[in-house]
C-alpha cells in the first residue's frame, strides 16, 4: 500500500502536473465536459480499462455530458502516489 502524501506534496503535484484537479474531502476531483453523452460514456470506458489495468479504481459520476472523477486510496485513507498516477492517466484520456 502506498503511503499518504502530505498536503504540501499534493499541492505541488496539483500545481505542477494536475492543474485541472482539486482536493475535496481528501480526494482528487476533476470534472470533464464532453460534446455528447456517448462521448462521455466512451471516456468512462477508457478510464475504466486504465483503472482495471492498475487495479486502482476512481469513482465516476456521469451527469449527461459532464463526468466527475474522484480519486483516492481508500485503504490508506487519503491521497497517495497511486492517485496522482491515475489522475495523470485520466488527464491523458480526457485530452
PDB file of N, CA and C in Angstrom:
ATOM      1  N   UNK A   1       0.839  -1.178   0.000  1.00  0.00           N
ATOM      2  CA  UNK A   1       0.000   0.000   0.000  1.00  0.00           C
ATOM      3  C   UNK A   1       0.887   1.245   0.000  1.00  0.00           C
ATOM      4  N   UNK A   2       0.519   2.204  -0.820  1.00  0.00           N
ATOM      5  CA  UNK A   2       1.254   3.468  -0.869  1.00  0.00           C
ATOM      6  C   UNK A   2       0.977   4.287   0.383  1.00  0.00           C
ATOM      7  N   UNK A   3       1.954   5.121   0.733  1.00  0.00           N
ATOM      8  CA  UNK A   3       1.801   5.982   1.905  1.00  0.00           C
ATOM      9  C   UNK A   3       1.065   7.261   1.531  1.00  0.00           C
ATOM     10  N   UNK A   4       0.356   7.803   2.508  1.00  0.00           N
ATOM     11  CA  UNK A   4      -0.344   9.066   2.300  1.00  0.00           C
ATOM     12  C   UNK A   4       0.640  10.179   1.980  1.00  0.00           C
ATOM     13  N   UNK A   5       0.233  11.055   1.086  1.00  0.00           N
ATOM     14  CA  UNK A   5       1.029  12.233   0.767  1.00  0.00           C
ATOM     15  C   UNK A   5       0.676  13.360   1.726  1.00  0.00           C
ATOM     16  N   UNK A   6       1.635  14.234   1.951  1.00  0.00           N
ATOM     17  CA  UNK A   6       1.376  15.413   2.777  1.00  0.00           C
ATOM     18  C   UNK A   6       0.613  16.449   1.951  1.00  0.00           C
ATOM     19  N   UNK A   7       0.021  17.410   2.629  1.00  0.00           N
ATOM     20  CA  UNK A   7      -0.673  18.489   1.924  1.00  0.00           C
ATOM     21  C   UNK A   7       0.276  19.223   0.984  1.00  0.00           C
ATOM     22  N   UNK A   8       1.509  19.449   1.417  1.00  0.00           N
ATOM     23  CA  UNK A   8       2.488  20.134   0.568  1.00  0.00           C
ATOM     24  C   UNK A   8       2.805  19.320  -0.682  1.00  0.00           C
ATOM     25  N   UNK A   9       2.945  18.015  -0.541  1.00  0.00           N
ATOM     26  CA  UNK A   9       3.224  17.163  -1.699  1.00  0.00           C
ATOM     27  C   UNK A   9       2.057  17.190  -2.683  1.00  0.00           C
ATOM     28  N   UNK A  10       0.859  17.156  -2.160  1.00  0.00           N
ATOM     29  CA  UNK A  10      -0.330  17.193  -3.015  1.00  0.00           C
ATOM     30  C   UNK A  10      -0.427  18.543  -3.721  1.00  0.00           C
ATOM     31  N   UNK A  11      -0.239  19.627  -2.988  1.00  0.00           N
ATOM     32  CA  UNK A  11      -0.306  20.969  -3.581  1.00  0.00           C
ATOM     33  C   UNK A  11       0.712  21.132  -4.703  1.00  0.00           C
ATOM     34  N   UNK A  12       1.907  20.632  -4.496  1.00  0.00           N
ATOM     35  CA  UNK A  12       2.957  20.711  -5.510  1.00  0.00           C
ATOM     36  C   UNK A  12       2.570  19.921  -6.757  1.00  0.00           C
ATOM     37  N   UNK A  13       2.046  18.719  -6.566  1.00  0.00           N
ATOM     38  CA  UNK A  13       1.640  17.885  -7.701  1.00  0.00           C
ATOM     39  C   UNK A  13       0.510  18.543  -8.482  1.00  0.00           C
ATOM     40  N   UNK A  14      -0.451  19.120  -7.780  1.00  0.00           N
ATOM     41  CA  UNK A  14      -1.550  19.794  -8.471  1.00  0.00           C
ATOM     42  C   UNK A  14      -1.040  20.991  -9.253  1.00  0.00           C
ATOM     43  N   UNK A  15      -0.191  21.770  -8.636  1.00  0.00           N
ATOM     44  CA  UNK A  15       0.340  22.964  -9.303  1.00  0.00           C
ATOM     45  C   UNK A  15       1.166  22.603 -10.534  1.00  0.00           C
ATOM     46  N   UNK A  16       2.038  21.602 -10.398  1.00  0.00           N
ATOM     47  CA  UNK A  16       3.000  21.302 -11.457  1.00  0.00           C
ATOM     48  C   UNK A  16       2.506  20.312 -12.510  1.00  0.00           C
ATOM     49  N   UNK A  17       1.590  19.421 -12.144  1.00  0.00           N
ATOM     50  CA  UNK A  17       1.235  18.337 -13.064  1.00  0.00           C
ATOM     51  C   UNK A  17      -0.264  18.128 -13.264  1.00  0.00           C
ATOM     52  N   UNK A  18      -1.073  18.589 -12.339  1.00  0.00           N
ATOM     53  CA  UNK A  18      -2.506  18.293 -12.397  1.00  0.00           C
ATOM     54  C   UNK A  18      -3.342  19.557 -12.159  1.00  0.00           C
ATOM     55  N   UNK A  19      -3.180  20.572 -13.005  1.00  0.00           N
ATOM     56  CA  UNK A  19      -3.847  21.854 -12.737  1.00  0.00           C
ATOM     57  C   UNK A  19      -5.373  21.806 -12.813  1.00  0.00           C
ATOM     58  N   UNK A  20      -5.937  20.799 -13.464  1.00  0.00           N
ATOM     59  CA  UNK A  20      -7.395  20.691 -13.590  1.00  0.00           C
ATOM     60  C   UNK A  20      -8.038  20.045 -12.363  1.00  0.00           C
ATOM     61  N   UNK A  21      -7.216  19.527 -11.468  1.00  0.00           N
ATOM     62  CA  UNK A  21      -7.707  18.790 -10.305  1.00  0.00           C
ATOM     63  C   UNK A  21      -7.736  19.681  -9.068  1.00  0.00           C
ATOM     64  N   UNK A  22      -8.603  19.319  -8.130  1.00  0.00           N
ATOM     65  CA  UNK A  22      -8.635  19.978  -6.825  1.00  0.00           C
ATOM     66  C   UNK A  22      -8.832  18.904  -5.758  1.00  0.00           C
ATOM     67  N   UNK A  23      -8.588  19.269  -4.527  1.00  0.00           N
ATOM     68  CA  UNK A  23      -8.801  18.350  -3.414  1.00  0.00           C
ATOM     69  C   UNK A  23     -10.126  18.706  -2.752  1.00  0.00           C
ATOM     70  N   UNK A  24     -10.998  17.709  -2.645  1.00  0.00           N
ATOM     71  CA  UNK A  24     -12.289  17.867  -1.981  1.00  0.00           C
ATOM     72  C   UNK A  24     -12.490  16.654  -1.079  1.00  0.00           C
ATOM     73  N   UNK A  25     -12.679  16.892   0.192  1.00  0.00           N
ATOM     74  CA  UNK A  25     -12.918  15.796   1.143  1.00  0.00           C
ATOM     75  C   UNK A  25     -11.871  14.694   1.031  1.00  0.00           C
ATOM     76  N   UNK A  26     -10.613  15.103   0.950  1.00  0.00           N
ATOM     77  CA  UNK A  26      -9.486  14.166   0.940  1.00  0.00           C
ATOM     78  C   UNK A  26      -9.446  13.273  -0.304  1.00  0.00           C
ATOM     79  N   UNK A  27      -9.998  13.784  -1.405  1.00  0.00           N
ATOM     80  CA  UNK A  27      -9.955  13.092  -2.689  1.00  0.00           C
ATOM     81  C   UNK A  27      -9.506  14.079  -3.765  1.00  0.00           C
ATOM     82  N   UNK A  28      -8.875  13.563  -4.817  1.00  0.00           N
ATOM     83  CA  UNK A  28      -8.618  14.363  -6.007  1.00  0.00           C
ATOM     84  C   UNK A  28      -9.889  14.351  -6.842  1.00  0.00           C
ATOM     85  N   UNK A  29     -10.323  15.528  -7.302  1.00  0.00           N
ATOM     86  CA  UNK A  29     -11.581  15.639  -8.034  1.00  0.00           C
ATOM     87  C   UNK A  29     -11.372  16.477  -9.288  1.00  0.00           C
ATOM     88  N   UNK A  30     -11.930  15.970 -10.394  1.00  0.00           N
ATOM     89  CA  UNK A  30     -11.920  16.718 -11.651  1.00  0.00           C
ATOM     90  C   UNK A  30     -13.194  16.407 -12.420  1.00  0.00           C
ATOM     91  N   UNK A  31     -13.796  17.429 -12.993  1.00  0.00           N
ATOM     92  CA  UNK A  31     -14.933  17.240 -13.889  1.00  0.00           C
ATOM     93  C   UNK A  31     -14.489  17.514 -15.313  1.00  0.00           C
ATOM     94  N   UNK A  32     -15.014  16.712 -16.222  1.00  0.00           N
ATOM     95  CA  UNK A  32     -14.686  16.818 -17.640  1.00  0.00           C
ATOM     96  C   UNK A  32     -15.992  16.930 -18.414  1.00  0.00           C
ATOM     97  N   UNK A  33     -16.057  17.886 -19.314  1.00  0.00           N
ATOM     98  CA  UNK A  33     -17.237  18.084 -20.157  1.00  0.00           C
ATOM     99  C   UNK A  33     -16.973  17.480 -21.528  1.00  0.00           C
ATOM    100  N   UNK A  34     -17.948  16.772 -22.048  1.00  0.00           N
ATOM    101  CA  UNK A  34     -17.866  16.189 -23.379  1.00  0.00           C
ATOM    102  C   UNK A  34     -18.971  16.780 -24.256  1.00  0.00           C
ATOM    103  N   UNK A  35     -18.813  16.652 -25.575  1.00  0.00           N
ATOM    104  CA  UNK A  35     -19.800  17.207 -26.500  1.00  0.00           C
ATOM    105  C   UNK A  35     -21.130  16.470 -26.455  1.00  0.00           C
ATOM    106  N   UNK A  36     -21.073  15.145 -26.292  1.00  0.00           N
ATOM    107  CA  UNK A  36     -22.293  14.342 -26.268  1.00  0.00           C
ATOM    108  C   UNK A  36     -22.233  13.342 -25.119  1.00  0.00           C
ATOM    109  N   UNK A  37     -23.383  12.812 -24.780  1.00  0.00           N
ATOM    110  CA  UNK A  37     -23.464  11.793 -23.745  1.00  0.00           C
ATOM    111  C   UNK A  37     -22.597  10.590 -24.106  1.00  0.00           C
ATOM    112  N   UNK A  38     -22.676  10.139 -25.359  1.00  0.00           N
ATOM    113  CA  UNK A  38     -21.896   8.969 -25.770  1.00  0.00           C
ATOM    114  C   UNK A  38     -20.396   9.230 -25.730  1.00  0.00           C
ATOM    115  N   UNK A  39     -19.963  10.455 -26.015  1.00  0.00           N
ATOM    116  CA  UNK A  39     -18.542  10.792 -25.853  1.00  0.00           C
ATOM    117  C   UNK A  39     -18.123  10.617 -24.393  1.00  0.00           C
ATOM    118  N   UNK A  40     -18.990  11.012 -23.484  1.00  0.00           N
ATOM    119  CA  UNK A  40     -18.711  10.833 -22.061  1.00  0.00           C
ATOM    120  C   UNK A  40     -18.638   9.367 -21.674  1.00  0.00           C
ATOM    121  N   UNK A  41     -19.540   8.578 -22.212  1.00  0.00           N
ATOM    122  CA  UNK A  41     -19.534   7.137 -21.933  1.00  0.00           C
ATOM    123  C   UNK A  41     -18.248   6.504 -22.450  1.00  0.00           C
ATOM    124  N   UNK A  42     -17.800   6.920 -23.615  1.00  0.00           N
ATOM    125  CA  UNK A  42     -16.535   6.385 -24.155  1.00  0.00           C
ATOM    126  C   UNK A  42     -15.358   6.741 -23.247  1.00  0.00           C
ATOM    127  N   UNK A  43     -15.345   7.961 -22.718  1.00  0.00           N
ATOM    128  CA  UNK A  43     -14.282   8.351 -21.794  1.00  0.00           C
ATOM    129  C   UNK A  43     -14.332   7.491 -20.531  1.00  0.00           C
ATOM    130  N   UNK A  44     -15.509   7.274 -19.992  1.00  0.00           N
ATOM    131  CA  UNK A  44     -15.652   6.432 -18.802  1.00  0.00           C
ATOM    132  C   UNK A  44     -15.149   5.021 -19.092  1.00  0.00           C
ATOM    133  N   UNK A  45     -15.462   4.479 -20.268  1.00  0.00           N
ATOM    134  CA  UNK A  45     -14.988   3.135 -20.626  1.00  0.00           C
ATOM    135  C   UNK A  45     -13.466   3.099 -20.719  1.00  0.00           C
ATOM    136  N   UNK A  46     -12.875   4.125 -21.313  1.00  0.00           N
ATOM    137  CA  UNK A  46     -11.415   4.189 -21.422  1.00  0.00           C
ATOM    138  C   UNK A  46     -10.772   4.263 -20.047  1.00  0.00           C
ATOM    139  N   UNK A  47     -11.291   5.130 -19.195  1.00  0.00           N
ATOM    140  CA  UNK A  47     -10.745   5.255 -17.840  1.00  0.00           C
ATOM    141  C   UNK A  47     -10.965   3.959 -17.063  1.00  0.00           C
ATOM    142  N   UNK A  48     -12.092   3.315 -17.274  1.00  0.00           N
ATOM    143  CA  UNK A  48     -12.352   2.039 -16.613  1.00  0.00           C
ATOM    144  C   UNK A  48     -11.316   0.989 -16.970  1.00  0.00           C
ATOM    145  N   UNK A  49     -10.930   0.929 -18.241  1.00  0.00           N
ATOM    146  CA  UNK A  49      -9.893  -0.021 -18.663  1.00  0.00           C
ATOM    147  C   UNK A  49      -8.552   0.324 -18.036  1.00  0.00           C
ATOM    148  N   UNK A  50      -8.200   1.601 -18.013  1.00  0.00           N
ATOM    149  CA  UNK A  50      -6.949   2.028 -17.374  1.00  0.00           C
ATOM    150  C   UNK A  50      -6.945   1.670 -15.892  1.00  0.00           C
ATOM    151  N   UNK A  51      -8.046   1.974 -15.233  1.00  0.00           N
ATOM    152  CA  UNK A  51      -8.149   1.711 -13.799  1.00  0.00           C
ATOM    153  C   UNK A  51      -8.038   0.219 -13.509  1.00  0.00           C
ATOM    154  N   UNK A  52      -8.678  -0.575 -14.327  1.00  0.00           N
ATOM    155  CA  UNK A  52      -8.624  -2.027 -14.128  1.00  0.00           C
ATOM    156  C   UNK A  52      -7.201  -2.543 -14.294  1.00  0.00           C
ATOM    157  N   UNK A  53      -6.480  -2.014 -15.282  1.00  0.00           N
ATOM    158  CA  UNK A  53      -5.096  -2.458 -15.501  1.00  0.00           C
ATOM    159  C   UNK A  53      -4.191  -2.059 -14.335  1.00  0.00           C
ATOM    160  N   UNK A  54      -4.553  -0.970 -13.640  1.00  0.00           N
ATOM    161  CA  UNK A  54      -3.777  -0.511 -12.485  1.00  0.00           C
ATOM    162  C   UNK A  54      -4.275  -1.122 -11.174  1.00  0.00           C
ATOM    163  N   UNK A  55      -5.445  -1.742 -11.220  1.00  0.00           N
ATOM    164  CA  UNK A  55      -6.125  -2.217 -10.017  1.00  0.00           C
ATOM    165  C   UNK A  55      -6.300  -1.071  -9.009  1.00  0.00           C
ATOM    166  N   UNK A  56      -6.669   0.083  -9.552  1.00  0.00           N
ATOM    167  CA  UNK A  56      -6.902   1.284  -8.736  1.00  0.00           C
ATOM    168  C   UNK A  56      -8.057   2.032  -9.397  1.00  0.00           C
ATOM    169  N   UNK A  57      -9.195   2.089  -8.733  1.00  0.00           N
ATOM    170  CA  UNK A  57     -10.433   2.476  -9.388  1.00  0.00           C
ATOM    171  C   UNK A  57     -10.994   3.795  -8.858  1.00  0.00           C
ATOM    172  N   UNK A  58     -11.239   4.751  -9.757  1.00  0.00           N
ATOM    173  CA  UNK A  58     -11.838   6.018  -9.338  1.00  0.00           C
ATOM    174  C   UNK A  58     -13.353   5.876  -9.204  1.00  0.00           C
ATOM    175  N   UNK A  59     -13.954   6.790  -8.475  1.00  0.00           N
ATOM    176  CA  UNK A  59     -15.403   6.946  -8.530  1.00  0.00           C
ATOM    177  C   UNK A  59     -15.675   7.827  -9.745  1.00  0.00           C
ATOM    178  N   UNK A  60     -16.669   7.444 -10.537  1.00  0.00           N
ATOM    179  CA  UNK A  60     -17.007   8.196 -11.739  1.00  0.00           C
ATOM    180  C   UNK A  60     -18.496   8.491 -11.723  1.00  0.00           C
ATOM    181  N   UNK A  61     -18.836   9.762 -11.847  1.00  0.00           N
ATOM    182  CA  UNK A  61     -20.218  10.207 -11.825  1.00  0.00           C
ATOM    183  C   UNK A  61     -20.538  10.820 -13.185  1.00  0.00           C
ATOM    184  N   UNK A  62     -21.543  10.278 -13.853  1.00  0.00           N
ATOM    185  CA  UNK A  62     -21.930  10.755 -15.184  1.00  0.00           C
ATOM    186  C   UNK A  62     -23.218  11.556 -15.047  1.00  0.00           C
ATOM    187  N   UNK A  63     -23.162  12.816 -15.460  1.00  0.00           N
ATOM    188  CA  UNK A  63     -24.339  13.689 -15.492  1.00  0.00           C
ATOM    189  C   UNK A  63     -24.448  14.271 -16.892  1.00  0.00           C
ATOM    190  N   UNK A  64     -25.168  13.567 -17.745  1.00  0.00           N
ATOM    191  CA  UNK A  64     -25.352  13.913 -19.146  1.00  0.00           C
ATOM    192  C   UNK A  64     -23.996  14.037 -19.842  1.00  0.00           C
ATOM    193  N   UNK A  65     -23.472  15.224 -20.072  1.00  0.00           N
ATOM    194  CA  UNK A  65     -22.189  15.350 -20.778  1.00  0.00           C
ATOM    195  C   UNK A  65     -21.036  15.720 -19.850  1.00  0.00           C
ATOM    196  N   UNK A  66     -21.267  15.692 -18.548  1.00  0.00           N
ATOM    197  CA  UNK A  66     -20.217  16.004 -17.576  1.00  0.00           C
ATOM    198  C   UNK A  66     -19.893  14.762 -16.755  1.00  0.00           C
ATOM    199  N   UNK A  67     -18.627  14.408 -16.715  1.00  0.00           N
ATOM    200  CA  UNK A  67     -18.152  13.272 -15.928  1.00  0.00           C
ATOM    201  C   UNK A  67     -17.264  13.823 -14.826  1.00  0.00           C
ATOM    202  N   UNK A  68     -17.550  13.442 -13.594  1.00  0.00           N
ATOM    203  CA  UNK A  68     -16.724  13.844 -12.464  1.00  0.00           C
ATOM    204  C   UNK A  68     -15.974  12.626 -11.952  1.00  0.00           C
ATOM    205  N   UNK A  69     -14.663  12.768 -11.867  1.00  0.00           N
ATOM    206  CA  UNK A  69     -13.785  11.707 -11.375  1.00  0.00           C
ATOM    207  C   UNK A  69     -13.348  12.057  -9.961  1.00  0.00           C
ATOM    208  N   UNK A  70     -13.392  11.071  -9.076  1.00  0.00           N
ATOM    209  CA  UNK A  70     -12.905  11.213  -7.697  1.00  0.00           C
ATOM    210  C   UNK A  70     -11.906  10.098  -7.460  1.00  0.00           C
ATOM    211  N   UNK A  71     -10.701  10.484  -7.055  1.00  0.00           N
ATOM    212  CA  UNK A  71      -9.613   9.523  -6.904  1.00  0.00           C
ATOM    213  C   UNK A  71      -9.039   9.631  -5.497  1.00  0.00           C
ATOM    214  N   UNK A  72      -8.973   8.500  -4.809  1.00  0.00           N
ATOM    215  CA  UNK A  72      -8.295   8.428  -3.513  1.00  0.00           C
ATOM    216  C   UNK A  72      -7.961   6.967  -3.237  1.00  0.00           C
ATOM    217  N   UNK A  73      -7.131   6.758  -2.247  1.00  0.00           N
ATOM    218  CA  UNK A  73      -6.762   5.402  -1.832  1.00  0.00           C
ATOM    219  C   UNK A  73      -7.514   5.094  -0.547  1.00  0.00           C
ATOM    220  N   UNK A  74      -8.583   4.336  -0.690  1.00  0.00           N
ATOM    221  CA  UNK A  74      -9.462   4.075   0.446  1.00  0.00           C
ATOM    222  C   UNK A  74      -8.736   3.364   1.586  1.00  0.00           C
ATOM    223  N   UNK A  75      -7.902   2.389   1.246  1.00  0.00           N
ATOM    224  CA  UNK A  75      -7.165   1.655   2.288  1.00  0.00           C
ATOM    225  C   UNK A  75      -6.237   2.574   3.079  1.00  0.00           C
ATOM    226  N   UNK A  76      -5.588   3.504   2.374  1.00  0.00           N
ATOM    227  CA  UNK A  76      -4.648   4.416   3.034  1.00  0.00           C
ATOM    228  C   UNK A  76      -5.379   5.556   3.745  1.00  0.00           C
ATOM    229  N   UNK A  77      -6.609   5.808   3.336  1.00  0.00           N
ATOM    230  CA  UNK A  77      -7.380   6.864   3.971  1.00  0.00           C
ATOM    231  C   UNK A  77      -7.121   8.251   3.422  1.00  0.00           C
ATOM    232  N   UNK A  78      -6.719   8.339   2.155  1.00  0.00           N
ATOM    233  CA  UNK A  78      -6.464   9.650   1.563  1.00  0.00           C
ATOM    234  C   UNK A  78      -5.783   9.539   0.219  1.00  0.00           C
ATOM    235  N   UNK A  79      -4.937  10.498  -0.086  1.00  0.00           N
ATOM    236  CA  UNK A  79      -4.297  10.615  -1.397  1.00  0.00           C
ATOM    237  C   UNK A  79      -2.868  10.099  -1.320  1.00  0.00           C
ATOM    238  N   UNK A  80      -2.530   9.216  -2.277  1.00  0.00           N
ATOM    239  CA  UNK A  80      -1.197   8.621  -2.362  1.00  0.00           C
ATOM    240  C   UNK A  80      -0.627   8.850  -3.759  1.00  0.00           C
ATOM    241  N   UNK A  81       0.606   8.400  -3.965  1.00  0.00           N
ATOM    242  CA  UNK A  81       1.212   8.473  -5.300  1.00  0.00           C
ATOM    243  C   UNK A  81       0.378   7.733  -6.339  1.00  0.00           C
ATOM    244  N   UNK A  82      -0.238   6.619  -5.947  1.00  0.00           N
ATOM    245  CA  UNK A  82      -1.082   5.873  -6.886  1.00  0.00           C
ATOM    246  C   UNK A  82      -2.196   6.756  -7.439  1.00  0.00           C
ATOM    247  N   UNK A  83      -2.722   7.625  -6.609  1.00  0.00           N
ATOM    248  CA  UNK A  83      -3.796   8.521  -7.044  1.00  0.00           C
ATOM    249  C   UNK A  83      -3.295   9.562  -8.037  1.00  0.00           C
ATOM    250  N   UNK A  84      -2.094  10.061  -7.801  1.00  0.00           N
ATOM    251  CA  UNK A  84      -1.506  11.023  -8.739  1.00  0.00           C
ATOM    252  C   UNK A  84      -1.281  10.381 -10.099  1.00  0.00           C
ATOM    253  N   UNK A  85      -0.812   9.146 -10.097  1.00  0.00           N
ATOM    254  CA  UNK A  85      -0.582   8.427 -11.356  1.00  0.00           C
ATOM    255  C   UNK A  85      -1.902   8.226 -12.090  1.00  0.00           C
ATOM    256  N   UNK A  86      -2.923   7.777 -11.377  1.00  0.00           N
ATOM    257  CA  UNK A  86      -4.222   7.567 -12.016  1.00  0.00           C
ATOM    258  C   UNK A  86      -4.789   8.885 -12.537  1.00  0.00           C
ATOM    259  N   UNK A  87      -4.667   9.951 -11.784  1.00  0.00           N
ATOM    260  CA  UNK A  87      -5.161  11.256 -12.235  1.00  0.00           C
ATOM    261  C   UNK A  87      -4.458  11.689 -13.524  1.00  0.00           C
ATOM    262  N   UNK A  88      -3.163  11.445 -13.617  1.00  0.00           N
ATOM    263  CA  UNK A  88      -2.437  11.785 -14.856  1.00  0.00           C
ATOM    264  C   UNK A  88      -2.957  10.961 -16.029  1.00  0.00           C
ATOM    265  N   UNK A  89      -3.228   9.681 -15.794  1.00  0.00           N
ATOM    266  CA  UNK A  89      -3.791   8.835 -16.855  1.00  0.00           C
ATOM    267  C   UNK A  89      -5.175   9.335 -17.276  1.00  0.00           C
ATOM    268  N   UNK A  90      -5.970   9.756 -16.314  1.00  0.00           N
ATOM    269  CA  UNK A  90      -7.289  10.302 -16.643  1.00  0.00           C
ATOM    270  C   UNK A  90      -7.134  11.569 -17.475  1.00  0.00           C
ATOM    271  N   UNK A  91      -6.198  12.430 -17.116  1.00  0.00           N
ATOM    272  CA  UNK A  91      -5.938  13.638 -17.907  1.00  0.00           C
ATOM    273  C   UNK A  91      -5.574  13.288 -19.344  1.00  0.00           C
ATOM    274  N   UNK A  92      -4.725  12.291 -19.513  1.00  0.00           N
ATOM    275  CA  UNK A  92      -4.322  11.871 -20.858  1.00  0.00           C
ATOM    276  C   UNK A  92      -5.532  11.374 -21.643  1.00  0.00           C
ATOM    277  N   UNK A  93      -6.360  10.558 -21.010  1.00  0.00           N
ATOM    278  CA  UNK A  93      -7.547  10.026 -21.684  1.00  0.00           C
ATOM    279  C   UNK A  93      -8.539  11.136 -22.028  1.00  0.00           C
ATOM    280  N   UNK A  94      -8.637  12.129 -21.142  1.00  0.00           N
ATOM    281  CA  UNK A  94      -9.592  13.220 -21.346  1.00  0.00           C
ATOM    282  C   UNK A  94      -9.120  14.211 -22.406  1.00  0.00           C
ATOM    283  N   UNK A  95      -7.817  14.206 -22.680  1.00  0.00           N
ATOM    284  CA  UNK A  95      -7.255  15.079 -23.702  1.00  0.00           C
ATOM    285  C   UNK A  95      -7.080  16.508 -23.282  1.00  0.00           C
TER     286      UNK A  95
END
